[in-house]
Amino acid sequence: MSPEKWTSSSDNPPANPTDLPAATAAKPTREQVIAGLRATSEGGADLVQLLTPEGQRVQHPEFDIDISPEQLRGLYRDMVLVRRADREGNALQRQGQLGIWVPLLGQEAAQIGAGRALKPQDMAFPSYREHGVAWTRGIDPTELLGIFRGTDHGSWDPASTGFHLYTIVIGNQCLNATGYAMGQRFDGKVGDPDGEATMVFFGDGATSQGDVHEAMVWSAVYDSPVVFFCQNNQWAISEPLERQTRVPLYQRASGYGFPGIRVDGNDVLASLAVSKWALEECRTGNGPVLIEAFTYRMDAHTTSDDPTRYRMSDEHEAWKLKDPIERLRVHLIREHAADQEFFDSIDAEADELAARFRDFCFSMPEPPPERMFSQVYAEETPQIAAQREDHLRYLAGFADETAGADAMAGGAH
């Protein structure tokens, strides 16, 4: 029986496995799936790595980078300050100052490497965890607080920063980025080293969303200059990667007809090198590209999550040994590219940032109720104006009732 004739799941499968379509010729066991996804604790034979967990510099035949000691120190500073802001955000939520916080602990190298690869004319589309990418685009960490305090949707200008507002809907930013990248191509801003490119960030769990699939289809068809940067942190909230896919995520790109690369997401040098290459491919007209940054979420999905309910502690402990900041710190020491005075100065700068971050949060003003109706559209519509007036009348009714109750209480005395 030929594969074409075997079309119904209710039919008996052919006795000869070679008659099956290749994709269904064999069903792997759960253990085989996990082994295929992870291959080794370092992410498999195809993993691009320039800095080992022990801080040793290694070469790669295709993706290598020349980088000065000053640039290395800058990357270290980026990661330390971003981590400190992230830890303060976590603490502020626990103190009741923020409604929620989305930690990036452990993913600093992936974000800083990719963010520093972007050029000023490029555009980045984040999800809701890209605090490190925001930092590289000139967004002060204090500007993130309004989102998680519930006072605004983001206070920066995407056009001037080249960094879109955070996207809460899982995977939706991939469609937004694809549309933007298509516009870059249609406007003739692609085709030379000075051209534009787009980079969109999402997690491994988002790859199960239709939005991501649609974005990759459209990007492939229109040769859109977009880099799909997937931070594979192994867990989509409480679902492990093996429940998302049978093959490594970077291999999915071949199904859409463009390159896919797996990089060590805890290696800031590799993340920088691969991202630079991918963005150059896109800006010169050879996009799109998929990057899978193989990393690990060291904290909860958000502060409303308890990862101890679904993750084993030994897995967590194993990934501690691959900490991206410590990896670069050891390399700097090994190469005599930084001394204790440098590390102390970065720690002091992190303390200053943390204090400023906390003070800003504590002093944030309460926004007026009409704020939620402002800047919904470039020009206010009659419907928005009517909704604002209805809402203000509704709130004023409570004030009238309270005033009346106070007057009655005073009269009783």
Protein backbone atom coordinates (compact mmCIF):
# COMPACT_ATOMS: atom_id res chain seq x y z
CA MET A 1 0.00 0.00 0.00
CA SER A 2 1.49 3.36 -1.02
CA PRO A 3 1.64 6.35 1.33
CA GLU A 4 -0.84 8.16 -0.90
CA LYS A 5 -3.49 5.46 -0.42
CA TRP A 6 -3.05 5.33 3.35
CA THR A 7 -4.92 8.49 4.21
CA SER A 8 -7.19 7.70 7.12
CA SER A 9 -6.15 7.23 10.74
CA SER A 10 -8.89 4.60 11.00
CA ASP A 11 -7.21 2.44 8.33
CA ASN A 12 -4.82 -0.26 9.41
CA PRO A 13 -1.24 0.89 8.92
CA PRO A 14 0.81 -0.98 6.34
CA ALA A 15 2.86 -3.91 7.51
CA ASN A 16 6.01 -2.57 5.89
CA PRO A 17 7.23 0.54 7.76
CA THR A 18 8.99 1.80 4.64
CA ASP A 19 5.58 2.41 3.09
CA LEU A 20 4.83 5.01 5.73
CA PRO A 21 5.44 8.72 5.22
CA ALA A 22 8.91 9.56 6.55
CA ALA A 23 7.55 11.76 9.33
CA THR A 24 5.53 8.90 10.81
CA ALA A 25 7.76 5.95 10.00
CA ALA A 26 8.64 5.52 13.67
CA LYS A 27 7.21 6.89 16.86
CA PRO A 28 10.01 7.69 19.31
CA THR A 29 9.71 6.95 22.98
CA ARG A 30 9.58 9.78 25.47
CA GLU A 31 13.19 9.11 26.39
CA GLN A 32 14.23 9.26 22.74
CA VAL A 33 12.42 12.54 22.26
CA ILE A 34 14.17 14.10 25.24
CA ALA A 35 17.51 12.75 24.08
CA GLY A 36 16.97 14.14 20.61
CA LEU A 37 15.98 17.54 21.90
CA ARG A 38 18.79 18.01 24.35
CA ALA A 39 21.37 15.60 22.89
CA THR A 40 23.82 16.60 25.59
CA SER A 41 23.62 18.86 28.59
CA GLU A 42 25.25 21.52 26.42
CA GLY A 43 22.61 21.52 23.69
CA GLY A 44 23.86 19.06 21.09
CA ALA A 45 26.50 18.76 18.40
CA ASP A 46 25.13 21.70 16.39
CA LEU A 47 25.38 24.12 19.30
CA VAL A 48 27.37 27.27 18.53
CA GLN A 49 29.59 28.06 21.49
CA LEU A 50 32.51 30.47 21.87
CA LEU A 51 32.84 30.47 25.64
CA THR A 52 32.62 27.24 27.62
CA PRO A 53 30.92 27.07 31.03
CA GLU A 54 34.45 27.11 32.50
CA GLY A 55 35.16 30.46 30.84
CA GLN A 56 37.49 29.09 28.17
CA ARG A 57 37.46 30.78 24.77
CA VAL A 58 36.92 28.35 21.88
CA GLN A 59 36.75 28.90 18.14
CA HIS A 60 33.92 28.10 15.75
CA PRO A 61 34.52 27.57 12.01
CA GLU A 62 31.46 29.54 10.89
CA PHE A 63 30.49 31.85 13.72
CA ASP A 64 33.40 33.54 15.39
CA ILE A 65 33.99 37.09 16.52
CA ASP A 66 36.84 39.46 17.24
CA ILE A 67 36.16 41.32 20.44
CA SER A 68 38.29 43.62 22.54
CA PRO A 69 38.78 43.43 26.33
CA GLU A 70 36.87 46.70 26.62
CA GLN A 71 33.89 45.21 24.78
CA LEU A 72 34.03 42.11 26.98
CA ARG A 73 33.91 44.28 30.08
CA GLY A 74 30.96 46.14 28.59
CA LEU A 75 29.03 42.91 28.08
CA TYR A 76 29.79 41.88 31.65
CA ARG A 77 28.53 45.23 32.94
CA ASP A 78 25.35 44.89 30.87
CA MET A 79 24.53 41.48 32.31
CA VAL A 80 25.28 42.40 35.93
CA LEU A 81 23.18 45.57 35.88
CA VAL A 82 20.28 43.91 34.07
CA ARG A 83 20.29 41.03 36.55
CA ARG A 84 20.31 43.43 39.48
CA ALA A 85 17.33 45.36 38.12
CA ASP A 86 15.55 42.06 37.53
CA ARG A 87 16.14 40.92 41.11
CA GLU A 88 14.85 44.23 42.44
CA GLY A 89 11.72 43.88 40.31
CA ASN A 90 11.14 40.45 41.81
CA ALA A 91 11.58 41.80 45.35
CA LEU A 92 9.29 44.77 44.72
CA GLN A 93 6.51 42.46 43.59
CA ARG A 94 6.90 40.38 46.74
CA GLN A 95 6.58 43.60 48.75
CA GLY A 96 3.29 44.44 47.05
CA GLN A 97 4.67 47.29 44.96
CA LEU A 98 4.10 45.56 41.61
CA GLY A 99 1.18 43.49 40.47
CA ILE A 100 3.46 40.96 38.81
CA TRP A 101 7.05 40.61 37.60
CA VAL A 102 8.49 38.47 34.83
CA PRO A 103 12.04 37.33 35.74
CA LEU A 104 14.82 36.92 33.22
CA LEU A 105 17.30 35.27 35.62
CA GLY A 106 19.64 33.03 33.64
CA GLN A 107 18.80 34.50 30.23
CA GLU A 108 20.99 37.59 30.42
CA ALA A 109 23.59 36.38 27.89
CA ALA A 110 21.01 35.53 25.23
CA GLN A 111 19.34 38.91 25.54
CA ILE A 112 22.42 41.09 25.87
CA GLY A 113 24.21 39.28 23.05
CA ALA A 114 21.27 39.63 20.69
CA GLY A 115 20.49 43.19 21.77
CA ARG A 116 24.05 44.41 21.27
CA ALA A 117 24.03 42.92 17.76
CA LEU A 118 21.24 45.26 16.70
CA LYS A 119 22.08 48.46 14.84
CA PRO A 120 20.33 51.79 15.57
CA GLN A 121 18.19 51.52 12.42
CA ASP A 122 16.93 48.03 13.34
CA MET A 123 13.68 47.27 15.15
CA ALA A 124 13.20 44.79 18.00
CA PHE A 125 9.88 43.25 19.01
CA PRO A 126 9.86 41.82 22.57
CA SER A 127 7.48 39.60 24.45
CA TYR A 128 7.30 40.48 28.16
CA ARG A 129 10.63 39.16 29.49
CA GLU A 130 13.11 41.12 27.36
CA HIS A 131 14.41 43.47 30.05
CA GLY A 132 17.95 42.85 28.83
CA VAL A 133 17.14 43.73 25.22
CA ALA A 134 15.35 46.85 26.46
CA TRP A 135 18.55 47.85 28.25
CA THR A 136 20.59 47.57 25.05
CA ARG A 137 18.08 49.79 23.23
CA GLY A 138 18.47 52.59 25.77
CA ILE A 139 15.34 51.83 27.82
CA ASP A 140 16.02 52.63 31.48
CA PRO A 141 14.79 49.83 33.77
CA THR A 142 12.52 52.28 35.58
CA GLU A 143 10.50 52.63 32.37
CA LEU A 144 9.43 49.00 32.72
CA LEU A 145 7.83 49.52 36.11
CA GLY A 146 4.61 51.09 34.88
CA ILE A 147 3.74 47.94 32.94
CA PHE A 148 4.03 45.69 35.98
CA ARG A 149 2.52 48.23 38.37
CA GLY A 150 -0.45 48.59 36.05
CA THR A 151 -0.10 52.31 35.40
CA ASP A 152 0.78 52.24 31.70
CA HIS A 153 1.49 49.94 28.76
CA GLY A 154 5.05 51.18 28.29
CA SER A 155 6.43 54.69 28.48
CA TRP A 156 9.05 54.68 25.71
CA ASP A 157 8.78 55.65 22.05
CA PRO A 158 9.21 52.57 19.84
CA ALA A 159 10.14 54.65 16.80
CA SER A 160 13.03 56.50 18.42
CA THR A 161 14.35 53.56 20.45
CA GLY A 162 13.92 50.83 17.86
CA PHE A 163 12.20 48.77 20.55
CA HIS A 164 8.51 47.95 20.40
CA LEU A 165 6.29 47.93 23.47
CA TYR A 166 6.00 44.68 25.43
CA THR A 167 3.55 42.12 24.05
CA ILE A 168 1.58 40.07 26.56
CA VAL A 169 -0.32 37.85 24.09
CA ILE A 170 1.88 34.80 23.51
CA GLY A 171 3.50 34.83 20.07
CA ASN A 172 1.57 37.81 18.73
CA GLN A 173 4.73 39.91 18.43
CA CYS A 174 5.97 37.54 15.70
CA LEU A 175 3.16 38.66 13.41
CA ASN A 176 3.81 42.30 14.27
CA ALA A 177 7.50 41.88 13.54
CA THR A 178 6.82 40.10 10.25
CA GLY A 179 4.54 42.90 9.10
CA TYR A 180 7.13 45.50 10.04
CA ALA A 181 9.89 43.57 8.27
CA MET A 182 7.74 43.21 5.16
CA GLY A 183 7.39 46.99 5.22
CA GLN A 184 11.17 47.37 5.41
CA ARG A 185 11.49 45.30 2.26
CA PHE A 186 8.65 47.04 0.43
CA ASP A 187 10.17 50.44 1.30
CA GLY A 188 13.51 49.42 -0.19
CA LYS A 189 15.40 49.51 3.11
CA VAL A 190 16.95 46.08 2.58
CA GLY A 191 19.77 44.98 0.30
CA ASP A 192 23.07 46.37 1.58
CA PRO A 193 25.14 46.37 4.79
CA ASP A 194 23.54 49.68 5.83
CA GLY A 195 20.04 48.30 5.43
CA GLU A 196 17.48 47.63 8.14
CA ALA A 197 16.51 44.40 9.87
CA THR A 198 14.02 43.27 12.48
CA MET A 199 14.48 40.90 15.41
CA VAL A 200 11.61 39.34 17.33
CA PHE A 201 11.92 37.59 20.69
CA PHE A 202 9.77 34.73 21.98
CA GLY A 203 10.01 31.61 24.11
CA ASP A 204 9.94 27.91 23.37
CA GLY A 205 6.32 27.68 24.49
CA ALA A 206 5.29 30.30 21.95
CA THR A 207 6.38 28.00 19.13
CA SER A 208 3.18 26.03 19.75
CA GLN A 209 1.11 29.13 18.93
CA GLY A 210 -0.36 29.58 15.46
CA ASP A 211 0.84 33.18 15.37
CA VAL A 212 4.47 32.06 15.27
CA HIS A 213 3.81 29.56 12.48
CA GLU A 214 1.92 32.13 10.42
CA ALA A 215 4.69 34.68 10.92
CA MET A 216 7.32 32.25 9.66
CA VAL A 217 5.23 31.31 6.63
CA TRP A 218 4.70 34.95 5.63
CA SER A 219 8.32 35.87 6.34
CA ALA A 220 9.57 33.03 4.17
CA VAL A 221 7.24 33.83 1.28
CA TYR A 222 8.15 37.53 1.27
CA ASP A 223 11.85 37.13 2.17
CA SER A 224 11.24 39.40 5.14
CA PRO A 225 14.37 40.69 6.91
CA VAL A 226 13.38 39.27 10.30
CA VAL A 227 15.42 37.25 12.79
CA PHE A 228 13.23 34.97 14.89
CA PHE A 229 15.08 34.78 18.22
CA CYS A 230 13.65 31.94 20.29
CA GLN A 231 14.84 31.83 23.89
CA ASN A 232 14.47 28.16 24.62
CA ASN A 233 14.54 28.20 28.41
CA GLN A 234 13.27 24.59 28.52
CA TRP A 235 9.91 25.37 30.16
CA ALA A 236 6.71 26.95 28.84
CA ILE A 237 5.38 27.77 32.32
CA SER A 238 4.90 24.20 33.59
CA GLU A 239 5.25 22.35 30.27
CA PRO A 240 8.71 21.02 29.34
CA LEU A 241 10.13 21.36 25.86
CA GLU A 242 9.54 17.72 24.97
CA ARG A 243 5.79 18.43 25.06
CA GLN A 244 6.23 21.18 22.49
CA THR A 245 8.14 19.43 19.72
CA ARG A 246 9.72 16.17 18.54
CA VAL A 247 12.70 17.88 16.95
CA PRO A 248 15.06 20.62 18.16
CA LEU A 249 13.39 23.96 17.60
CA TYR A 250 16.07 25.35 15.29
CA GLN A 251 15.45 22.48 12.85
CA ARG A 252 11.91 23.68 12.30
CA ALA A 253 13.27 26.49 10.15
CA SER A 254 14.02 24.04 7.32
CA GLY A 255 10.32 23.38 6.99
CA TYR A 256 9.78 27.05 6.15
CA GLY A 257 12.79 27.21 3.86
CA PHE A 258 15.21 29.37 5.81
CA PRO A 259 18.25 28.76 8.06
CA GLY A 260 17.96 27.69 11.68
CA ILE A 261 20.82 27.86 14.18
CA ARG A 262 21.13 26.70 17.78
CA VAL A 263 23.38 28.86 19.95
CA ASP A 264 24.48 28.48 23.56
CA GLY A 265 22.14 31.01 25.15
CA ASN A 266 24.34 31.21 28.25
CA ASP A 267 27.29 32.31 26.14
CA VAL A 268 27.09 36.04 25.49
CA LEU A 269 29.85 35.93 22.85
CA ALA A 270 28.14 33.21 20.82
CA SER A 271 24.78 34.97 21.11
CA LEU A 272 26.38 38.19 19.89
CA ALA A 273 28.22 36.51 17.00
CA VAL A 274 25.28 34.48 15.73
CA SER A 275 22.88 37.43 16.07
CA LYS A 276 25.25 39.71 14.15
CA TRP A 277 25.47 37.17 11.35
CA ALA A 278 21.71 36.63 11.22
CA LEU A 279 20.95 40.36 11.18
CA GLU A 280 23.47 40.89 8.37
CA GLU A 281 21.80 38.11 6.40
CA CYS A 282 18.48 39.89 6.79
CA ARG A 283 19.60 43.44 6.11
CA THR A 284 21.37 42.34 2.91
CA GLY A 285 18.27 40.51 1.65
CA ASN A 286 18.89 36.90 2.68
CA GLY A 287 16.38 36.63 5.52
CA PRO A 288 14.61 35.34 7.44
CA VAL A 289 16.65 33.38 10.02
CA LEU A 290 15.67 31.41 13.13
CA ILE A 291 17.97 31.41 16.17
CA GLU A 292 17.30 29.03 19.04
CA ALA A 293 19.14 30.27 22.12
CA PHE A 294 19.53 27.18 24.28
CA THR A 295 19.28 28.48 27.84
CA TYR A 296 17.39 27.94 31.08
CA ARG A 297 14.89 29.89 33.13
CA MET A 298 16.46 29.95 36.59
CA ASP A 299 13.44 31.55 38.27
CA ALA A 300 9.68 31.24 38.02
CA HIS A 301 7.81 31.94 34.80
CA THR A 302 6.33 34.94 36.59
CA THR A 303 5.98 35.82 40.25
CA SER A 304 2.57 34.10 40.22
CA ASP A 305 4.24 30.78 39.36
CA ASP A 306 5.80 28.14 41.62
CA PRO A 307 8.38 26.17 39.59
CA THR A 308 9.06 23.76 42.44
CA ARG A 309 5.74 22.10 41.59
CA TYR A 310 6.94 20.88 38.20
CA ARG A 311 10.77 21.09 38.04
CA MET A 312 13.36 18.88 39.66
CA SER A 313 15.94 20.58 41.86
CA ASP A 314 18.82 18.62 40.33
CA GLU A 315 18.06 20.11 36.90
CA HIS A 316 18.10 23.58 38.41
CA GLU A 317 21.39 22.91 40.19
CA ALA A 318 23.01 21.60 37.01
CA TRP A 319 22.20 24.80 35.13
CA LYS A 320 23.64 26.93 37.93
CA LEU A 321 27.05 25.71 36.77
CA LYS A 322 26.39 27.32 33.38
CA ASP A 323 25.58 30.77 34.78
CA PRO A 324 26.21 33.30 31.98
CA ILE A 325 27.61 36.05 34.19
CA GLU A 326 30.00 33.82 36.10
CA ARG A 327 31.16 32.32 32.79
CA LEU A 328 32.25 35.70 31.47
CA ARG A 329 33.66 36.75 34.83
CA VAL A 330 35.93 33.70 34.89
CA HIS A 331 37.00 34.41 31.31
CA LEU A 332 37.90 38.01 32.15
CA ILE A 333 39.98 36.84 35.09
CA ARG A 334 41.59 34.05 33.08
CA GLU A 335 42.63 36.46 30.32
CA HIS A 336 43.68 39.21 32.77
CA ALA A 337 41.14 41.49 31.08
CA ALA A 338 39.68 42.75 34.38
CA ASP A 339 40.85 43.14 37.96
CA GLN A 340 39.06 43.23 41.29
CA GLU A 341 38.73 47.01 41.11
CA PHE A 342 36.68 46.63 37.94
CA PHE A 343 34.36 44.02 39.45
CA ASP A 344 33.92 46.14 42.60
CA SER A 345 33.03 49.17 40.49
CA ILE A 346 30.35 47.22 38.61
CA ASP A 347 28.90 45.94 41.88
CA ALA A 348 28.78 49.50 43.21
CA GLU A 349 27.06 50.67 40.03
CA ALA A 350 24.54 47.84 40.42
CA ASP A 351 23.81 48.98 43.97
CA GLU A 352 23.17 52.51 42.73
CA LEU A 353 20.85 51.25 40.01
CA ALA A 354 18.93 49.10 42.51
CA ALA A 355 18.44 52.05 44.87
CA ARG A 356 17.25 54.29 42.04
CA PHE A 357 14.96 51.55 40.76
CA ARG A 358 13.33 51.11 44.18
CA ASP A 359 13.00 54.84 44.83
CA PHE A 360 11.36 55.35 41.45
CA CYS A 361 8.85 52.60 42.15
CA PHE A 362 7.94 53.91 45.61
CA SER A 363 7.41 57.44 44.29
CA MET A 364 5.39 56.61 41.18
CA PRO A 365 2.23 58.75 41.15
CA GLU A 366 -1.25 57.28 40.91
CA PRO A 367 -2.46 57.91 37.36
CA PRO A 368 -5.84 59.64 37.00
CA PRO A 369 -8.69 57.35 35.89
CA GLU A 370 -9.01 59.07 32.50
CA ARG A 371 -5.44 58.00 31.70
CA MET A 372 -6.60 54.63 30.38
CA PHE A 373 -8.53 56.35 27.61
CA SER A 374 -5.68 58.56 26.42
CA GLN A 375 -3.41 57.68 23.49
CA VAL A 376 -5.52 54.69 22.47
CA TYR A 377 -5.52 56.09 18.96
CA ALA A 378 -3.47 58.85 17.33
CA GLU A 379 -6.69 60.90 17.26
CA GLU A 380 -9.42 60.39 19.83
CA THR A 381 -12.58 58.83 18.43
CA PRO A 382 -16.12 59.77 19.55
CA GLN A 383 -16.52 56.28 20.98
CA ILE A 384 -13.44 56.62 23.19
CA ALA A 385 -14.56 60.06 24.34
CA ALA A 386 -17.99 58.70 25.25
CA GLN A 387 -16.48 55.76 27.15
CA ARG A 388 -14.26 58.13 29.12
CA GLU A 389 -17.17 60.37 30.11
CA ASP A 390 -19.30 57.36 31.12
CA HIS A 391 -16.51 55.98 33.26
CA LEU A 392 -15.89 59.32 35.00
CA ARG A 393 -19.61 59.72 35.74
CA TYR A 394 -19.61 56.20 37.17
CA LEU A 395 -16.70 56.98 39.49
CA ALA A 396 -18.26 60.32 40.48
CA GLY A 397 -21.34 58.43 41.64
CA PHE A 398 -19.30 56.70 44.31
CA ALA A 399 -17.98 60.07 45.49
CA ASP A 400 -21.55 61.42 45.80
CA GLU A 401 -22.62 58.40 47.82
CA THR A 402 -19.66 58.77 50.19
CA ALA A 403 -20.34 62.48 50.67
CA GLY A 404 -24.00 61.76 51.43
CA ALA A 405 -23.13 59.08 53.94
CA ASP A 406 -20.66 61.40 55.70
CA ALA A 407 -23.31 64.14 55.92
CA MET A 408 -25.84 61.76 57.45
CA ALA A 409 -23.29 60.56 59.95
CA GLY A 410 -22.51 64.16 60.94
CA GLY A 411 -26.19 65.00 61.35
CA ALA A 412 -26.72 62.03 63.64
CA HIS A 413 -24.28 63.59 66.09
